[in-house]
Amino acid sequence: MIRMYCRGHHGTKTALCADCGSLQSYARRRLQACPFHDDKTTCSKCPVHRYKAEMRDKIQTVMRYAGPRMMKHHPILAIFHLIDGLKH
């Protein structure tokens, strides 16, 4: 999702810009620190939010942009995400 956002807003082709790269590494560190691991619910239903307010706002901006485009670019992942959201 971050890559789609970066391509759409910053015009990158292969690599992420510095800002999006730091956001991606921050998000990965937060996911690795998640206490739920395989039992993770969708982020909107998570009882533990471990993002700083500034980073959470950036991630939400990315998700608002990339979320509706997921069906076009990654349909299988989008369907699995919708199913996972219904389970929890």
PDB file of N, CA and C in Angstrom:
ATOM      1  N   MET A   1       0.820  -1.188   0.000  1.00  0.00           N
ATOM      2  CA  MET A   1       0.000   0.000   0.000  1.00  0.00           C
ATOM      3  C   MET A   1       0.869   1.260   0.000  1.00  0.00           C
ATOM      4  N   ILE A   2       1.955   1.204   0.744  1.00  0.00           N
ATOM      5  CA  ILE A   2       2.838   2.366   0.795  1.00  0.00           C
ATOM      6  C   ILE A   2       3.468   2.595  -0.569  1.00  0.00           C
ATOM      7  N   ARG A   3       3.823   1.516  -1.255  1.00  0.00           N
ATOM      8  CA  ARG A   3       4.418   1.657  -2.583  1.00  0.00           C
ATOM      9  C   ARG A   3       3.424   2.283  -3.564  1.00  0.00           C
ATOM     10  N   MET A   4       2.153   1.870  -3.502  1.00  0.00           N
ATOM     11  CA  MET A   4       1.137   2.464  -4.379  1.00  0.00           C
ATOM     12  C   MET A   4       0.972   3.946  -4.077  1.00  0.00           C
ATOM     13  N   TYR A   5       0.957   4.298  -2.807  1.00  0.00           N
ATOM     14  CA  TYR A   5       0.825   5.694  -2.398  1.00  0.00           C
ATOM     15  C   TYR A   5       2.014   6.512  -2.896  1.00  0.00           C
ATOM     16  N   CYS A   6       3.211   5.977  -2.723  1.00  0.00           N
ATOM     17  CA  CYS A   6       4.419   6.699  -3.116  1.00  0.00           C
ATOM     18  C   CYS A   6       4.451   6.914  -4.633  1.00  0.00           C
ATOM     19  N   ARG A   7       4.062   5.905  -5.392  1.00  0.00           N
ATOM     20  CA  ARG A   7       4.014   6.057  -6.846  1.00  0.00           C
ATOM     21  C   ARG A   7       2.985   7.107  -7.250  1.00  0.00           C
ATOM     22  N   GLY A   8       1.842   7.095  -6.602  1.00  0.00           N
ATOM     23  CA  GLY A   8       0.773   8.013  -6.952  1.00  0.00           C
ATOM     24  C   GLY A   8       1.027   9.453  -6.537  1.00  0.00           C
ATOM     25  N   HIS A   9       1.688   9.637  -5.406  1.00  0.00           N
ATOM     26  CA  HIS A   9       1.877  10.986  -4.881  1.00  0.00           C
ATOM     27  C   HIS A   9       3.274  11.569  -5.098  1.00  0.00           C
ATOM     28  N   HIS A  10       4.269  10.701  -5.159  1.00  0.00           N
ATOM     29  CA  HIS A  10       5.634  11.195  -5.264  1.00  0.00           C
ATOM     30  C   HIS A  10       6.296  10.824  -6.586  1.00  0.00           C
ATOM     31  N   GLY A  11       5.590  10.090  -7.425  1.00  0.00           N
ATOM     32  CA  GLY A  11       6.070   9.771  -8.763  1.00  0.00           C
ATOM     33  C   GLY A  11       7.245   8.818  -8.833  1.00  0.00           C
ATOM     34  N   THR A  12       7.454   8.019  -7.795  1.00  0.00           N
ATOM     35  CA  THR A  12       8.560   7.066  -7.827  1.00  0.00           C
ATOM     36  C   THR A  12       8.202   5.887  -8.720  1.00  0.00           C
ATOM     37  N   LYS A  13       9.211   5.247  -9.267  1.00  0.00           N
ATOM     38  CA  LYS A  13       8.973   4.109 -10.161  1.00  0.00           C
ATOM     39  C   LYS A  13       9.348   2.782  -9.509  1.00  0.00           C
ATOM     40  N   THR A  14      10.551   2.679  -8.980  1.00  0.00           N
ATOM     41  CA  THR A  14      11.007   1.394  -8.446  1.00  0.00           C
ATOM     42  C   THR A  14      11.187   1.415  -6.931  1.00  0.00           C
ATOM     43  N   ALA A  15      11.792   2.435  -6.400  1.00  0.00           N
ATOM     44  CA  ALA A  15      12.068   2.504  -4.963  1.00  0.00           C
ATOM     45  C   ALA A  15      11.152   3.534  -4.307  1.00  0.00           C
ATOM     46  N   LEU A  16      11.049   3.447  -2.998  1.00  0.00           N
ATOM     47  CA  LEU A  16      10.263   4.417  -2.240  1.00  0.00           C
ATOM     48  C   LEU A  16      11.085   5.678  -2.004  1.00  0.00           C
ATOM     49  N   CYS A  17      10.414   6.804  -1.879  1.00  0.00           N
ATOM     50  CA  CYS A  17      11.104   8.034  -1.494  1.00  0.00           C
ATOM     51  C   CYS A  17      11.526   7.906  -0.026  1.00  0.00           C
ATOM     52  N   ALA A  18      12.336   8.808   0.448  1.00  0.00           N
ATOM     53  CA  ALA A  18      12.865   8.730   1.815  1.00  0.00           C
ATOM     54  C   ALA A  18      11.750   8.752   2.859  1.00  0.00           C
ATOM     55  N   ASP A  19      10.746   9.600   2.670  1.00  0.00           N
ATOM     56  CA  ASP A  19       9.654   9.716   3.635  1.00  0.00           C
ATOM     57  C   ASP A  19       8.831   8.424   3.692  1.00  0.00           C
ATOM     58  N   CYS A  20       8.488   7.900   2.535  1.00  0.00           N
ATOM     59  CA  CYS A  20       7.701   6.659   2.493  1.00  0.00           C
ATOM     60  C   CYS A  20       8.531   5.468   2.961  1.00  0.00           C
ATOM     61  N   GLY A  21       9.826   5.476   2.677  1.00  0.00           N
ATOM     62  CA  GLY A  21      10.705   4.409   3.150  1.00  0.00           C
ATOM     63  C   GLY A  21      10.784   4.371   4.662  1.00  0.00           C
ATOM     64  N   SER A  22      10.866   5.535   5.280  1.00  0.00           N
ATOM     65  CA  SER A  22      10.905   5.571   6.748  1.00  0.00           C
ATOM     66  C   SER A  22       9.563   5.159   7.342  1.00  0.00           C
ATOM     67  N   LEU A  23       8.473   5.516   6.680  1.00  0.00           N
ATOM     68  CA  LEU A  23       7.151   5.089   7.137  1.00  0.00           C
ATOM     69  C   LEU A  23       7.024   3.573   7.050  1.00  0.00           C
ATOM     70  N   GLN A  24       7.502   2.982   5.973  1.00  0.00           N
ATOM     71  CA  GLN A  24       7.427   1.535   5.812  1.00  0.00           C
ATOM     72  C   GLN A  24       8.272   0.812   6.863  1.00  0.00           C
ATOM     73  N   SER A  25       9.472   1.283   7.110  1.00  0.00           N
ATOM     74  CA  SER A  25      10.311   0.630   8.122  1.00  0.00           C
ATOM     75  C   SER A  25       9.697   0.786   9.521  1.00  0.00           C
ATOM     76  N   TYR A  26       9.095   1.928   9.796  1.00  0.00           N
ATOM     77  CA  TYR A  26       8.418   2.132  11.081  1.00  0.00           C
ATOM     78  C   TYR A  26       7.246   1.160  11.224  1.00  0.00           C
ATOM     79  N   ALA A  27       6.450   1.023  10.159  1.00  0.00           N
ATOM     80  CA  ALA A  27       5.294   0.120  10.205  1.00  0.00           C
ATOM     81  C   ALA A  27       5.738  -1.331  10.396  1.00  0.00           C
ATOM     82  N   ARG A  28       6.801  -1.721   9.739  1.00  0.00           N
ATOM     83  CA  ARG A  28       7.303  -3.093   9.898  1.00  0.00           C
ATOM     84  C   ARG A  28       7.783  -3.349  11.319  1.00  0.00           C
ATOM     85  N   ARG A  29       8.470  -2.379  11.907  1.00  0.00           N
ATOM     86  CA  ARG A  29       8.919  -2.537  13.295  1.00  0.00           C
ATOM     87  C   ARG A  29       7.727  -2.670  14.236  1.00  0.00           C
ATOM     88  N   ARG A  30       6.691  -1.905  13.996  1.00  0.00           N
ATOM     89  CA  ARG A  30       5.494  -1.976  14.843  1.00  0.00           C
ATOM     90  C   ARG A  30       4.797  -3.327  14.687  1.00  0.00           C
ATOM     91  N   LEU A  31       4.722  -3.842  13.475  1.00  0.00           N
ATOM     92  CA  LEU A  31       4.099  -5.152  13.264  1.00  0.00           C
ATOM     93  C   LEU A  31       4.907  -6.259  13.927  1.00  0.00           C
ATOM     94  N   GLN A  32       6.221  -6.149  13.900  1.00  0.00           N
ATOM     95  CA  GLN A  32       7.059  -7.154  14.550  1.00  0.00           C
ATOM     96  C   GLN A  32       6.892  -7.115  16.064  1.00  0.00           C
ATOM     97  N   ALA A  33       6.569  -5.963  16.603  1.00  0.00           N
ATOM     98  CA  ALA A  33       6.382  -5.825  18.053  1.00  0.00           C
ATOM     99  C   ALA A  33       4.958  -6.146  18.493  1.00  0.00           C
ATOM    100  N   CYS A  34       4.087  -6.473  17.547  1.00  0.00           N
ATOM    101  CA  CYS A  34       2.681  -6.748  17.872  1.00  0.00           C
ATOM    102  C   CYS A  34       2.574  -7.999  18.746  1.00  0.00           C
ATOM    103  N   PRO A  35       1.864  -7.932  19.861  1.00  0.00           N
ATOM    104  CA  PRO A  35       1.747  -9.107  20.736  1.00  0.00           C
ATOM    105  C   PRO A  35       0.800 -10.174  20.193  1.00  0.00           C
ATOM    106  N   PHE A  36       0.040  -9.881  19.153  1.00  0.00           N
ATOM    107  CA  PHE A  36      -0.960 -10.829  18.653  1.00  0.00           C
ATOM    108  C   PHE A  36      -0.430 -11.749  17.554  1.00  0.00           C
ATOM    109  N   HIS A  37       0.619 -11.367  16.866  1.00  0.00           N
ATOM    110  CA  HIS A  37       1.267 -12.146  15.805  1.00  0.00           C
ATOM    111  C   HIS A  37       0.252 -12.760  14.846  1.00  0.00           C
ATOM    112  N   ASP A  38       0.111 -14.085  14.818  1.00  0.00           N
ATOM    113  CA  ASP A  38      -0.787 -14.740  13.860  1.00  0.00           C
ATOM    114  C   ASP A  38      -2.257 -14.504  14.179  1.00  0.00           C
ATOM    115  N   ASP A  39      -2.577 -14.165  15.404  1.00  0.00           N
ATOM    116  CA  ASP A  39      -3.969 -13.926  15.795  1.00  0.00           C
ATOM    117  C   ASP A  39      -4.360 -12.462  15.640  1.00  0.00           C
ATOM    118  N   LYS A  40      -3.577 -11.700  14.892  1.00  0.00           N
ATOM    119  CA  LYS A  40      -3.811 -10.261  14.709  1.00  0.00           C
ATOM    120  C   LYS A  40      -5.132 -10.017  14.012  1.00  0.00           C
ATOM    121  N   THR A  41      -5.906  -9.132  14.570  1.00  0.00           N
ATOM    122  CA  THR A  41      -7.139  -8.698  13.932  1.00  0.00           C
ATOM    123  C   THR A  41      -6.789  -7.617  12.917  1.00  0.00           C
ATOM    124  N   THR A  42      -7.785  -7.112  12.214  1.00  0.00           N
ATOM    125  CA  THR A  42      -7.509  -5.974  11.344  1.00  0.00           C
ATOM    126  C   THR A  42      -7.138  -4.790  12.233  1.00  0.00           C
ATOM    127  N   CYS A  43      -6.332  -3.905  11.718  1.00  0.00           N
ATOM    128  CA  CYS A  43      -5.794  -2.811  12.528  1.00  0.00           C
ATOM    129  C   CYS A  43      -6.885  -1.920  13.120  1.00  0.00           C
ATOM    130  N   SER A  44      -7.969  -1.731  12.376  1.00  0.00           N
ATOM    131  CA  SER A  44      -9.023  -0.856  12.885  1.00  0.00           C
ATOM    132  C   SER A  44      -9.713  -1.450  14.112  1.00  0.00           C
ATOM    133  N   LYS A  45      -9.625  -2.762  14.307  1.00  0.00           N
ATOM    134  CA  LYS A  45     -10.262  -3.413  15.449  1.00  0.00           C
ATOM    135  C   LYS A  45      -9.263  -3.828  16.520  1.00  0.00           C
ATOM    136  N   CYS A  46      -8.014  -3.434  16.354  1.00  0.00           N
ATOM    137  CA  CYS A  46      -6.964  -3.831  17.286  1.00  0.00           C
ATOM    138  C   CYS A  46      -7.124  -3.084  18.617  1.00  0.00           C
ATOM    139  N   PRO A  47      -7.071  -3.814  19.735  1.00  0.00           N
ATOM    140  CA  PRO A  47      -7.188  -3.141  21.030  1.00  0.00           C
ATOM    141  C   PRO A  47      -5.903  -2.438  21.453  1.00  0.00           C
ATOM    142  N   VAL A  48      -4.782  -2.722  20.803  1.00  0.00           N
ATOM    143  CA  VAL A  48      -3.500  -2.126  21.155  1.00  0.00           C
ATOM    144  C   VAL A  48      -2.972  -1.365  19.943  1.00  0.00           C
ATOM    145  N   HIS A  49      -2.955  -0.058  20.032  1.00  0.00           N
ATOM    146  CA  HIS A  49      -2.419   0.757  18.952  1.00  0.00           C
ATOM    147  C   HIS A  49      -1.043   1.242  19.353  1.00  0.00           C
ATOM    148  N   ARG A  50      -0.039   0.818  18.618  1.00  0.00           N
ATOM    149  CA  ARG A  50       1.338   1.093  18.982  1.00  0.00           C
ATOM    150  C   ARG A  50       1.993   2.124  18.068  1.00  0.00           C
ATOM    151  N   TYR A  51       1.215   2.846  17.309  1.00  0.00           N
ATOM    152  CA  TYR A  51       1.766   3.866  16.417  1.00  0.00           C
ATOM    153  C   TYR A  51       1.733   5.229  17.112  1.00  0.00           C
ATOM    154  N   LYS A  52       2.768   6.027  16.899  1.00  0.00           N
ATOM    155  CA  LYS A  52       2.735   7.409  17.353  1.00  0.00           C
ATOM    156  C   LYS A  52       1.658   8.128  16.552  1.00  0.00           C
ATOM    157  N   ALA A  53       1.085   9.166  17.117  1.00  0.00           N
ATOM    158  CA  ALA A  53      -0.037   9.859  16.468  1.00  0.00           C
ATOM    159  C   ALA A  53       0.338  10.356  15.072  1.00  0.00           C
ATOM    160  N   GLU A  54       1.530  10.905  14.913  1.00  0.00           N
ATOM    161  CA  GLU A  54       1.951  11.415  13.609  1.00  0.00           C
ATOM    162  C   GLU A  54       2.040  10.290  12.576  1.00  0.00           C
ATOM    163  N   MET A  55       2.628   9.168  12.975  1.00  0.00           N
ATOM    164  CA  MET A  55       2.764   8.034  12.054  1.00  0.00           C
ATOM    165  C   MET A  55       1.414   7.394  11.768  1.00  0.00           C
ATOM    166  N   ARG A  56       0.542   7.353  12.750  1.00  0.00           N
ATOM    167  CA  ARG A  56      -0.796   6.800  12.544  1.00  0.00           C
ATOM    168  C   ARG A  56      -1.546   7.632  11.505  1.00  0.00           C
ATOM    169  N   ASP A  57      -1.405   8.948  11.561  1.00  0.00           N
ATOM    170  CA  ASP A  57      -2.044   9.814  10.572  1.00  0.00           C
ATOM    171  C   ASP A  57      -1.496   9.556   9.171  1.00  0.00           C
ATOM    172  N   LYS A  58      -0.177   9.347   9.084  1.00  0.00           N
ATOM    173  CA  LYS A  58       0.427   9.063   7.779  1.00  0.00           C
ATOM    174  C   LYS A  58      -0.067   7.726   7.227  1.00  0.00           C
ATOM    175  N   ILE A  59      -0.126   6.715   8.082  1.00  0.00           N
ATOM    176  CA  ILE A  59      -0.602   5.399   7.645  1.00  0.00           C
ATOM    177  C   ILE A  59      -2.056   5.479   7.202  1.00  0.00           C
ATOM    178  N   GLN A  60      -2.880   6.205   7.934  1.00  0.00           N
ATOM    179  CA  GLN A  60      -4.281   6.356   7.546  1.00  0.00           C
ATOM    180  C   GLN A  60      -4.404   7.048   6.198  1.00  0.00           C
ATOM    181  N   THR A  61      -3.578   8.036   5.936  1.00  0.00           N
ATOM    182  CA  THR A  61      -3.579   8.709   4.638  1.00  0.00           C
ATOM    183  C   THR A  61      -3.220   7.728   3.529  1.00  0.00           C
ATOM    184  N   VAL A  62      -2.207   6.917   3.774  1.00  0.00           N
ATOM    185  CA  VAL A  62      -1.804   5.900   2.798  1.00  0.00           C
ATOM    186  C   VAL A  62      -2.937   4.918   2.557  1.00  0.00           C
ATOM    187  N   MET A  63      -3.570   4.453   3.619  1.00  0.00           N
ATOM    188  CA  MET A  63      -4.641   3.465   3.488  1.00  0.00           C
ATOM    189  C   MET A  63      -5.861   4.048   2.779  1.00  0.00           C
ATOM    190  N   ARG A  64      -6.168   5.307   3.041  1.00  0.00           N
ATOM    191  CA  ARG A  64      -7.301   5.940   2.349  1.00  0.00           C
ATOM    192  C   ARG A  64      -7.051   6.057   0.853  1.00  0.00           C
ATOM    193  N   TYR A  65      -5.798   6.258   0.484  1.00  0.00           N
ATOM    194  CA  TYR A  65      -5.454   6.355  -0.936  1.00  0.00           C
ATOM    195  C   TYR A  65      -5.387   4.970  -1.583  1.00  0.00           C
ATOM    196  N   ALA A  66      -4.647   4.063  -0.953  1.00  0.00           N
ATOM    197  CA  ALA A  66      -4.370   2.768  -1.574  1.00  0.00           C
ATOM    198  C   ALA A  66      -5.497   1.756  -1.399  1.00  0.00           C
ATOM    199  N   GLY A  67      -6.257   1.867  -0.330  1.00  0.00           N
ATOM    200  CA  GLY A  67      -7.316   0.899  -0.060  1.00  0.00           C
ATOM    201  C   GLY A  67      -8.275   0.687  -1.222  1.00  0.00           C
ATOM    202  N   PRO A  68      -8.871   1.742  -1.748  1.00  0.00           N
ATOM    203  CA  PRO A  68      -9.799   1.561  -2.874  1.00  0.00           C
ATOM    204  C   PRO A  68      -9.128   1.051  -4.146  1.00  0.00           C
ATOM    205  N   ARG A  69      -7.827   1.216  -4.261  1.00  0.00           N
ATOM    206  CA  ARG A  69      -7.099   0.780  -5.458  1.00  0.00           C
ATOM    207  C   ARG A  69      -6.606  -0.666  -5.351  1.00  0.00           C
ATOM    208  N   MET A  70      -6.763  -1.271  -4.194  1.00  0.00           N
ATOM    209  CA  MET A  70      -6.264  -2.631  -3.990  1.00  0.00           C
ATOM    210  C   MET A  70      -6.963  -3.648  -4.898  1.00  0.00           C
ATOM    211  N   MET A  71      -8.242  -3.479  -5.134  1.00  0.00           N
ATOM    212  CA  MET A  71      -8.958  -4.431  -5.993  1.00  0.00           C
ATOM    213  C   MET A  71      -8.384  -4.443  -7.403  1.00  0.00           C
ATOM    214  N   LYS A  72      -7.901  -3.337  -7.878  1.00  0.00           N
ATOM    215  CA  LYS A  72      -7.333  -3.262  -9.219  1.00  0.00           C
ATOM    216  C   LYS A  72      -5.910  -3.823  -9.267  1.00  0.00           C
ATOM    217  N   HIS A  73      -5.104  -3.485  -8.283  1.00  0.00           N
ATOM    218  CA  HIS A  73      -3.690  -3.854  -8.307  1.00  0.00           C
ATOM    219  C   HIS A  73      -3.389  -5.208  -7.666  1.00  0.00           C
ATOM    220  N   HIS A  74      -4.094  -5.546  -6.599  1.00  0.00           N
ATOM    221  CA  HIS A  74      -3.856  -6.796  -5.870  1.00  0.00           C
ATOM    222  C   HIS A  74      -5.199  -7.409  -5.451  1.00  0.00           C
ATOM    223  N   PRO A  75      -5.991  -7.913  -6.398  1.00  0.00           N
ATOM    224  CA  PRO A  75      -7.351  -8.372  -6.066  1.00  0.00           C
ATOM    225  C   PRO A  75      -7.393  -9.513  -5.054  1.00  0.00           C
ATOM    226  N   ILE A  76      -6.466 -10.450  -5.131  1.00  0.00           N
ATOM    227  CA  ILE A  76      -6.492 -11.582  -4.206  1.00  0.00           C
ATOM    228  C   ILE A  76      -6.205 -11.117  -2.782  1.00  0.00           C
ATOM    229  N   LEU A  77      -5.212 -10.255  -2.609  1.00  0.00           N
ATOM    230  CA  LEU A  77      -4.920  -9.725  -1.279  1.00  0.00           C
ATOM    231  C   LEU A  77      -6.090  -8.922  -0.726  1.00  0.00           C
ATOM    232  N   ALA A  78      -6.737  -8.156  -1.598  1.00  0.00           N
ATOM    233  CA  ALA A  78      -7.878  -7.348  -1.153  1.00  0.00           C
ATOM    234  C   ALA A  78      -9.024  -8.241  -0.682  1.00  0.00           C
ATOM    235  N   ILE A  79      -9.277  -9.322  -1.399  1.00  0.00           N
ATOM    236  CA  ILE A  79     -10.353 -10.241  -1.004  1.00  0.00           C
ATOM    237  C   ILE A  79     -10.026 -10.915   0.324  1.00  0.00           C
ATOM    238  N   PHE A  80      -8.782 -11.368   0.480  1.00  0.00           N
ATOM    239  CA  PHE A  80      -8.387 -11.976   1.760  1.00  0.00           C
ATOM    240  C   PHE A  80      -8.506 -10.977   2.907  1.00  0.00           C
ATOM    241  N   HIS A  81      -8.151  -9.733   2.664  1.00  0.00           N
ATOM    242  CA  HIS A  81      -8.269  -8.706   3.709  1.00  0.00           C
ATOM    243  C   HIS A  81      -9.743  -8.484   4.088  1.00  0.00           C
ATOM    244  N   LEU A  82     -10.619  -8.447   3.115  1.00  0.00           N
ATOM    245  CA  LEU A  82     -12.047  -8.288   3.403  1.00  0.00           C
ATOM    246  C   LEU A  82     -12.583  -9.483   4.199  1.00  0.00           C
ATOM    247  N   ILE A  83     -12.197 -10.684   3.819  1.00  0.00           N
ATOM    248  CA  ILE A  83     -12.632 -11.880   4.550  1.00  0.00           C
ATOM    249  C   ILE A  83     -12.108 -11.858   5.962  1.00  0.00           C
ATOM    250  N   ASP A  84     -10.833 -11.489   6.139  1.00  0.00           N
ATOM    251  CA  ASP A  84     -10.242 -11.416   7.464  1.00  0.00           C
ATOM    252  C   ASP A  84     -10.965 -10.393   8.338  1.00  0.00           C
ATOM    253  N   GLY A  85     -11.373  -9.281   7.733  1.00  0.00           N
ATOM    254  CA  GLY A  85     -12.116  -8.268   8.475  1.00  0.00           C
ATOM    255  C   GLY A  85     -13.477  -8.756   8.932  1.00  0.00           C
ATOM    256  N   LEU A  86     -14.090  -9.615   8.166  1.00  0.00           N
ATOM    257  CA  LEU A  86     -15.396 -10.159   8.540  1.00  0.00           C
ATOM    258  C   LEU A  86     -15.275 -11.209   9.643  1.00  0.00           C
ATOM    259  N   LYS A  87     -14.166 -11.927   9.690  1.00  0.00           N
ATOM    260  CA  LYS A  87     -13.954 -12.968  10.701  1.00  0.00           C
ATOM    261  C   LYS A  87     -13.838 -12.393  12.098  1.00  0.00           C
ATOM    262  N   HIS A  88     -13.168 -11.252  12.216  1.00  0.00           N
ATOM    263  CA  HIS A  88     -12.861 -10.705  13.548  1.00  0.00           C
ATOM    264  C   HIS A  88     -13.853  -9.680  13.923  1.00  0.00           C
TER     265      HIS A  88
END
